[in-house]
PDB file of N, CA and C in Angstrom:
ATOM      1  N   MET A   1       0.825  -1.191   0.000  1.00  0.00           N
ATOM      2  CA  MET A   1       0.000   0.000   0.000  1.00  0.00           C
ATOM      3  C   MET A   1       0.867   1.254   0.000  1.00  0.00           C
ATOM      4  N   PHE A   2       1.930   1.250   0.803  1.00  0.00           N
ATOM      5  CA  PHE A   2       2.811   2.413   0.873  1.00  0.00           C
ATOM      6  C   PHE A   2       3.425   2.716  -0.487  1.00  0.00           C
ATOM      7  N   SER A   3       3.902   1.680  -1.184  1.00  0.00           N
ATOM      8  CA  SER A   3       4.574   1.915  -2.464  1.00  0.00           C
ATOM      9  C   SER A   3       3.605   2.470  -3.502  1.00  0.00           C
ATOM     10  N   ARG A   4       2.373   2.043  -3.472  1.00  0.00           N
ATOM     11  CA  ARG A   4       1.373   2.560  -4.418  1.00  0.00           C
ATOM     12  C   ARG A   4       1.104   4.042  -4.148  1.00  0.00           C
ATOM     13  N   ALA A   5       0.964   4.402  -2.889  1.00  0.00           N
ATOM     14  CA  ALA A   5       0.742   5.806  -2.531  1.00  0.00           C
ATOM     15  C   ALA A   5       1.953   6.646  -2.927  1.00  0.00           C
ATOM     16  N   PHE A   6       3.142   6.109  -2.739  1.00  0.00           N
ATOM     17  CA  PHE A   6       4.357   6.824  -3.116  1.00  0.00           C
ATOM     18  C   PHE A   6       4.402   7.069  -4.619  1.00  0.00           C
ATOM     19  N   ILE A   7       4.050   6.062  -5.394  1.00  0.00           N
ATOM     20  CA  ILE A   7       4.048   6.194  -6.855  1.00  0.00           C
ATOM     21  C   ILE A   7       3.049   7.256  -7.295  1.00  0.00           C
ATOM     22  N   VAL A   8       1.877   7.257  -6.704  1.00  0.00           N
ATOM     23  CA  VAL A   8       0.858   8.255  -7.041  1.00  0.00           C
ATOM     24  C   VAL A   8       1.357   9.655  -6.700  1.00  0.00           C
ATOM     25  N   LEU A   9       1.936   9.823  -5.526  1.00  0.00           N
ATOM     26  CA  LEU A   9       2.458  11.133  -5.136  1.00  0.00           C
ATOM     27  C   LEU A   9       3.604  11.570  -6.043  1.00  0.00           C
ATOM     28  N   ALA A  10       4.465  10.648  -6.426  1.00  0.00           N
ATOM     29  CA  ALA A  10       5.569  10.982  -7.327  1.00  0.00           C
ATOM     30  C   ALA A  10       5.035  11.426  -8.684  1.00  0.00           C
ATOM     31  N   PHE A  11       4.001  10.762  -9.170  1.00  0.00           N
ATOM     32  CA  PHE A  11       3.393  11.143 -10.448  1.00  0.00           C
ATOM     33  C   PHE A  11       2.789  12.539 -10.370  1.00  0.00           C
ATOM     34  N   ILE A  12       2.079  12.818  -9.296  1.00  0.00           N
ATOM     35  CA  ILE A  12       1.461  14.138  -9.120  1.00  0.00           C
ATOM     36  C   ILE A  12       2.533  15.220  -9.044  1.00  0.00           C
ATOM     37  N   ALA A  13       3.596  14.966  -8.316  1.00  0.00           N
ATOM     38  CA  ALA A  13       4.676  15.947  -8.194  1.00  0.00           C
ATOM     39  C   ALA A  13       5.335  16.201  -9.545  1.00  0.00           C
ATOM     40  N   THR A  14       5.548  15.148 -10.319  1.00  0.00           N
ATOM     41  CA  THR A  14       6.147  15.301 -11.643  1.00  0.00           C
ATOM     42  C   THR A  14       5.240  16.101 -12.558  1.00  0.00           C
ATOM     43  N   ALA A  15       3.952  15.819 -12.521  1.00  0.00           N
ATOM     44  CA  ALA A  15       2.998  16.555 -13.354  1.00  0.00           C
ATOM     45  C   ALA A  15       2.955  18.024 -12.965  1.00  0.00           C
ATOM     46  N   ALA A  16       3.040  18.304 -11.694  1.00  0.00           N
ATOM     47  CA  ALA A  16       2.996  19.693 -11.231  1.00  0.00           C
ATOM     48  C   ALA A  16       4.237  20.462 -11.660  1.00  0.00           C
ATOM     49  N   MET A  17       5.363  19.790 -11.776  1.00  0.00           N
ATOM     50  CA  MET A  17       6.595  20.468 -12.166  1.00  0.00           C
ATOM     51  C   MET A  17       6.594  20.831 -13.643  1.00  0.00           C
ATOM     52  N   SER A  18       5.821  20.139 -14.435  1.00  0.00           N
ATOM     53  CA  SER A  18       5.706  20.449 -15.851  1.00  0.00           C
ATOM     54  C   SER A  18       4.406  21.200 -16.041  1.00  0.00           C
ATOM     55  N   ALA A  19       4.478  22.512 -15.986  1.00  0.00           N
ATOM     56  CA  ALA A  19       3.273  23.323 -15.916  1.00  0.00           C
ATOM     57  C   ALA A  19       2.917  23.978 -17.241  1.00  0.00           C
ATOM     58  N   SER A  20       3.151  23.312 -18.359  1.00  0.00           N
ATOM     59  CA  SER A  20       2.771  23.862 -19.650  1.00  0.00           C
ATOM     60  C   SER A  20       1.524  23.171 -20.158  1.00  0.00           C
ATOM     61  N   VAL A  21       0.666  23.959 -20.750  1.00  0.00           N
ATOM     62  CA  VAL A  21      -0.570  23.436 -21.304  1.00  0.00           C
ATOM     63  C   VAL A  21      -0.660  23.902 -22.743  1.00  0.00           C
ATOM     64  N   LYS A  22      -0.849  22.964 -23.688  1.00  0.00           N
ATOM     65  CA  LYS A  22      -1.012  23.376 -25.077  1.00  0.00           C
ATOM     66  C   LYS A  22      -2.407  23.950 -25.213  1.00  0.00           C
ATOM     67  N   ALA A  23      -2.468  25.175 -25.634  1.00  0.00           N
ATOM     68  CA  ALA A  23      -3.744  25.873 -25.725  1.00  0.00           C
ATOM     69  C   ALA A  23      -3.547  27.137 -26.533  1.00  0.00           C
ATOM     70  N   GLU A  24      -4.622  27.866 -26.680  1.00  0.00           N
ATOM     71  CA  GLU A  24      -4.528  29.170 -27.302  1.00  0.00           C
ATOM     72  C   GLU A  24      -4.071  30.156 -26.243  1.00  0.00           C
ATOM     73  N   CYS A  25      -3.105  30.972 -26.582  1.00  0.00           N
ATOM     74  CA  CYS A  25      -2.644  31.987 -25.641  1.00  0.00           C
ATOM     75  C   CYS A  25      -3.686  33.095 -25.553  1.00  0.00           C
ATOM     76  N   ASP A  26      -3.561  33.935 -24.546  1.00  0.00           N
ATOM     77  CA  ASP A  26      -4.511  35.030 -24.353  1.00  0.00           C
ATOM     78  C   ASP A  26      -4.633  35.929 -25.571  1.00  0.00           C
ATOM     79  N   ASN A  27      -3.564  36.010 -26.371  1.00  0.00           N
ATOM     80  CA  ASN A  27      -3.616  36.876 -27.539  1.00  0.00           C
ATOM     81  C   ASN A  27      -4.241  36.189 -28.753  1.00  0.00           C
ATOM     82  N   GLY A  28      -4.783  34.977 -28.565  1.00  0.00           N
ATOM     83  CA  GLY A  28      -5.518  34.283 -29.614  1.00  0.00           C
ATOM     84  C   GLY A  28      -4.675  33.451 -30.560  1.00  0.00           C
ATOM     85  N   THR A  29      -3.370  33.433 -30.392  1.00  0.00           N
ATOM     86  CA  THR A  29      -2.530  32.635 -31.274  1.00  0.00           C
ATOM     87  C   THR A  29      -2.230  31.290 -30.625  1.00  0.00           C
ATOM     88  N   PRO A  30      -2.051  30.250 -31.444  1.00  0.00           N
ATOM     89  CA  PRO A  30      -1.747  28.944 -30.869  1.00  0.00           C
ATOM     90  C   PRO A  30      -0.398  28.965 -30.167  1.00  0.00           C
ATOM     91  N   GLY A  31      -0.286  28.222 -29.123  1.00  0.00           N
ATOM     92  CA  GLY A  31       0.969  28.149 -28.388  1.00  0.00           C
ATOM     93  C   GLY A  31       0.772  27.403 -27.093  1.00  0.00           C
ATOM     94  N   TYR A  32       1.703  27.567 -26.212  1.00  0.00           N
ATOM     95  CA  TYR A  32       1.635  26.939 -24.899  1.00  0.00           C
ATOM     96  C   TYR A  32       1.467  28.020 -23.850  1.00  0.00           C
ATOM     97  N   THR A  33       0.610  27.769 -22.899  1.00  0.00           N
ATOM     98  CA  THR A  33       0.507  28.648 -21.747  1.00  0.00           C
ATOM     99  C   THR A  33       1.278  27.972 -20.630  1.00  0.00           C
ATOM    100  N   HIS A  34       2.278  28.638 -20.135  1.00  0.00           N
ATOM    101  CA  HIS A  34       3.123  28.092 -19.069  1.00  0.00           C
ATOM    102  C   HIS A  34       2.788  28.805 -17.771  1.00  0.00           C
ATOM    103  N   ILE A  35       2.493  28.046 -16.733  1.00  0.00           N
ATOM    104  CA  ILE A  35       2.250  28.604 -15.406  1.00  0.00           C
ATOM    105  C   ILE A  35       3.574  28.564 -14.645  1.00  0.00           C
ATOM    106  N   VAL A  36       4.041  29.723 -14.233  1.00  0.00           N
ATOM    107  CA  VAL A  36       5.334  29.836 -13.553  1.00  0.00           C
ATOM    108  C   VAL A  36       5.291  29.108 -12.207  1.00  0.00           C
ATOM    109  N   VAL A  37       6.311  28.277 -11.977  1.00  0.00           N
ATOM    110  CA  VAL A  37       6.482  27.581 -10.699  1.00  0.00           C
ATOM    111  C   VAL A  37       7.821  28.014 -10.099  1.00  0.00           C
ATOM    112  N   ALA A  38       8.044  27.647  -8.862  1.00  0.00           N
ATOM    113  CA  ALA A  38       9.281  28.014  -8.165  1.00  0.00           C
ATOM    114  C   ALA A  38      10.506  27.616  -8.990  1.00  0.00           C
ATOM    115  N   LYS A  39      11.473  28.483  -9.031  1.00  0.00           N
ATOM    116  CA  LYS A  39      12.766  28.284  -9.689  1.00  0.00           C
ATOM    117  C   LYS A  39      12.705  28.336 -11.213  1.00  0.00           C
ATOM    118  N   ASP A  40      11.542  28.649 -11.817  1.00  0.00           N
ATOM    119  CA  ASP A  40      11.472  28.832 -13.265  1.00  0.00           C
ATOM    120  C   ASP A  40      12.311  30.033 -13.671  1.00  0.00           C
ATOM    121  N   THR A  41      12.903  29.948 -14.840  1.00  0.00           N
ATOM    122  CA  THR A  41      13.585  31.095 -15.441  1.00  0.00           C
ATOM    123  C   THR A  41      13.019  31.277 -16.843  1.00  0.00           C
ATOM    124  N   CYS A  42      13.195  32.449 -17.404  1.00  0.00           N
ATOM    125  CA  CYS A  42      12.735  32.675 -18.778  1.00  0.00           C
ATOM    126  C   CYS A  42      13.416  31.697 -19.728  1.00  0.00           C
ATOM    127  N   TRP A  43      14.696  31.417 -19.485  1.00  0.00           N
ATOM    128  CA  TRP A  43      15.413  30.481 -20.341  1.00  0.00           C
ATOM    129  C   TRP A  43      14.778  29.091 -20.279  1.00  0.00           C
ATOM    130  N   ASP A  44      14.428  28.620 -19.079  1.00  0.00           N
ATOM    131  CA  ASP A  44      13.786  27.309 -18.925  1.00  0.00           C
ATOM    132  C   ASP A  44      12.465  27.261 -19.686  1.00  0.00           C
ATOM    133  N   ILE A  45      11.656  28.300 -19.511  1.00  0.00           N
ATOM    134  CA  ILE A  45      10.329  28.343 -20.128  1.00  0.00           C
ATOM    135  C   ILE A  45      10.454  28.400 -21.645  1.00  0.00           C
ATOM    136  N   ALA A  46      11.360  29.248 -22.142  1.00  0.00           N
ATOM    137  CA  ALA A  46      11.562  29.362 -23.584  1.00  0.00           C
ATOM    138  C   ALA A  46      12.063  28.040 -24.164  1.00  0.00           C
ATOM    139  N   SER A  47      13.024  27.413 -23.504  1.00  0.00           N
ATOM    140  CA  SER A  47      13.562  26.132 -23.977  1.00  0.00           C
ATOM    141  C   SER A  47      12.480  25.068 -24.034  1.00  0.00           C
ATOM    142  N   GLU A  48      11.645  25.023 -23.009  1.00  0.00           N
ATOM    143  CA  GLU A  48      10.553  24.047 -22.971  1.00  0.00           C
ATOM    144  C   GLU A  48       9.600  24.254 -24.142  1.00  0.00           C
ATOM    145  N   GLY A  49       9.381  25.505 -24.522  1.00  0.00           N
ATOM    146  CA  GLY A  49       8.482  25.816 -25.632  1.00  0.00           C
ATOM    147  C   GLY A  49       9.156  25.794 -26.991  1.00  0.00           C
ATOM    148  N   GLY A  50      10.475  25.569 -27.013  1.00  0.00           N
ATOM    149  CA  GLY A  50      11.194  25.508 -28.277  1.00  0.00           C
ATOM    150  C   GLY A  50      11.374  26.867 -28.934  1.00  0.00           C
ATOM    151  N   ILE A  51      11.446  27.919 -28.121  1.00  0.00           N
ATOM    152  CA  ILE A  51      11.607  29.274 -28.643  1.00  0.00           C
ATOM    153  C   ILE A  51      12.769  29.962 -27.930  1.00  0.00           C
ATOM    154  N   SER A  52      13.138  31.132 -28.427  1.00  0.00           N
ATOM    155  CA  SER A  52      14.193  31.914 -27.780  1.00  0.00           C
ATOM    156  C   SER A  52      13.596  32.763 -26.661  1.00  0.00           C
ATOM    157  N   VAL A  53      14.457  33.235 -25.784  1.00  0.00           N
ATOM    158  CA  VAL A  53      14.006  34.139 -24.724  1.00  0.00           C
ATOM    159  C   VAL A  53      13.445  35.416 -25.349  1.00  0.00           C
ATOM    160  N   SER A  54      14.056  35.884 -26.432  1.00  0.00           N
ATOM    161  CA  SER A  54      13.547  37.083 -27.117  1.00  0.00           C
ATOM    162  C   SER A  54      12.118  36.874 -27.593  1.00  0.00           C
ATOM    163  N   ARG A  55      11.842  35.690 -28.145  1.00  0.00           N
ATOM    164  CA  ARG A  55      10.484  35.388 -28.625  1.00  0.00           C
ATOM    165  C   ARG A  55       9.521  35.303 -27.446  1.00  0.00           C
ATOM    166  N   LEU A  56       9.952  34.736 -26.336  1.00  0.00           N
ATOM    167  CA  LEU A  56       9.121  34.668 -25.135  1.00  0.00           C
ATOM    168  C   LEU A  56       8.759  36.077 -24.677  1.00  0.00           C
ATOM    169  N   GLU A  57       9.739  36.970 -24.701  1.00  0.00           N
ATOM    170  CA  GLU A  57       9.489  38.355 -24.292  1.00  0.00           C
ATOM    171  C   GLU A  57       8.542  39.060 -25.261  1.00  0.00           C
ATOM    172  N   GLU A  58       8.658  38.785 -26.561  1.00  0.00           N
ATOM    173  CA  GLU A  58       7.745  39.366 -27.555  1.00  0.00           C
ATOM    174  C   GLU A  58       6.314  38.886 -27.332  1.00  0.00           C
ATOM    175  N   ALA A  59       6.161  37.618 -26.978  1.00  0.00           N
ATOM    176  CA  ALA A  59       4.833  37.032 -26.786  1.00  0.00           C
ATOM    177  C   ALA A  59       4.187  37.471 -25.477  1.00  0.00           C
ATOM    178  N   ASN A  60       4.979  38.044 -24.584  1.00  0.00           N
ATOM    179  CA  ASN A  60       4.492  38.455 -23.262  1.00  0.00           C
ATOM    180  C   ASN A  60       4.957  39.878 -22.962  1.00  0.00           C
ATOM    181  N   PRO A  61       4.302  40.877 -23.587  1.00  0.00           N
ATOM    182  CA  PRO A  61       4.717  42.266 -23.377  1.00  0.00           C
ATOM    183  C   PRO A  61       4.759  42.617 -21.882  1.00  0.00           C
ATOM    184  N   GLY A  62       5.803  43.302 -21.486  1.00  0.00           N
ATOM    185  CA  GLY A  62       5.956  43.696 -20.089  1.00  0.00           C
ATOM    186  C   GLY A  62       6.595  42.639 -19.209  1.00  0.00           C
ATOM    187  N   LEU A  63       6.972  41.504 -19.794  1.00  0.00           N
ATOM    188  CA  LEU A  63       7.591  40.422 -19.023  1.00  0.00           C
ATOM    189  C   LEU A  63       8.914  40.891 -18.424  1.00  0.00           C
ATOM    190  N   ASP A  64       9.092  40.655 -17.136  1.00  0.00           N
ATOM    191  CA  ASP A  64      10.342  40.979 -16.442  1.00  0.00           C
ATOM    192  C   ASP A  64      10.978  39.659 -16.017  1.00  0.00           C
ATOM    193  N   CYS A  65      11.943  39.199 -16.794  1.00  0.00           N
ATOM    194  CA  CYS A  65      12.569  37.901 -16.527  1.00  0.00           C
ATOM    195  C   CYS A  65      13.308  37.858 -15.197  1.00  0.00           C
ATOM    196  N   ASP A  66      13.624  39.005 -14.638  1.00  0.00           N
ATOM    197  CA  ASP A  66      14.299  39.048 -13.343  1.00  0.00           C
ATOM    198  C   ASP A  66      13.318  39.012 -12.181  1.00  0.00           C
ATOM    199  N   ASN A  67      12.023  39.025 -12.484  1.00  0.00           N
ATOM    200  CA  ASN A  67      11.017  39.083 -11.422  1.00  0.00           C
ATOM    201  C   ASN A  67       9.799  38.233 -11.773  1.00  0.00           C
ATOM    202  N   LEU A  68      10.018  36.958 -12.139  1.00  0.00           N
ATOM    203  CA  LEU A  68       8.897  36.064 -12.423  1.00  0.00           C
ATOM    204  C   LEU A  68       8.150  35.775 -11.131  1.00  0.00           C
ATOM    205  N   GLN A  69       6.843  35.721 -11.225  1.00  0.00           N
ATOM    206  CA  GLN A  69       6.010  35.468 -10.055  1.00  0.00           C
ATOM    207  C   GLN A  69       5.346  34.098 -10.182  1.00  0.00           C
ATOM    208  N   ILE A  70       5.428  33.292  -9.143  1.00  0.00           N
ATOM    209  CA  ILE A  70       4.778  31.986  -9.140  1.00  0.00           C
ATOM    210  C   ILE A  70       3.300  32.182  -9.438  1.00  0.00           C
ATOM    211  N   GLY A  71       2.794  31.383 -10.381  1.00  0.00           N
ATOM    212  CA  GLY A  71       1.385  31.454 -10.759  1.00  0.00           C
ATOM    213  C   GLY A  71       1.123  32.291 -11.995  1.00  0.00           C
ATOM    214  N   ASP A  72       2.111  33.100 -12.433  1.00  0.00           N
ATOM    215  CA  ASP A  72       1.938  33.877 -13.664  1.00  0.00           C
ATOM    216  C   ASP A  72       1.734  32.931 -14.839  1.00  0.00           C
ATOM    217  N   ALA A  73       0.875  33.316 -15.777  1.00  0.00           N
ATOM    218  CA  ALA A  73       0.643  32.548 -17.000  1.00  0.00           C
ATOM    219  C   ALA A  73       1.377  33.242 -18.139  1.00  0.00           C
ATOM    220  N   LEU A  74       2.317  32.547 -18.751  1.00  0.00           N
ATOM    221  CA  LEU A  74       3.094  33.099 -19.855  1.00  0.00           C
ATOM    222  C   LEU A  74       2.790  32.347 -21.134  1.00  0.00           C
ATOM    223  N   CYS A  75       2.710  33.085 -22.227  1.00  0.00           N
ATOM    224  CA  CYS A  75       2.491  32.482 -23.535  1.00  0.00           C
ATOM    225  C   CYS A  75       3.839  32.121 -24.134  1.00  0.00           C
ATOM    226  N   SER A  76       3.984  30.871 -24.526  1.00  0.00           N
ATOM    227  CA  SER A  76       5.207  30.385 -25.151  1.00  0.00           C
ATOM    228  C   SER A  76       4.833  29.884 -26.532  1.00  0.00           C
ATOM    229  N   GLN A  77       5.061  30.705 -27.558  1.00  0.00           N
ATOM    230  CA  GLN A  77       4.630  30.354 -28.909  1.00  0.00           C
ATOM    231  C   GLN A  77       5.730  30.488 -29.915  1.00  0.00           C
TER     232      GLN A  77
END
């Protein structure tokens, strides 16, 4: 029973760490919406979406890569 509960918790934790959802971004273009989690960086988010940091910044006007906030939704397209 313990090992089954551990496996379920490990799966949930892994899913939570990958916080990208393929969807339409707020600006109506196809892409990924990434929910910022602890220790995320713009480079990590851009790499996950297969784009450059410059493109991430273009897709998210006003983005401050030095001050990401947990829970922010970023468009990665």
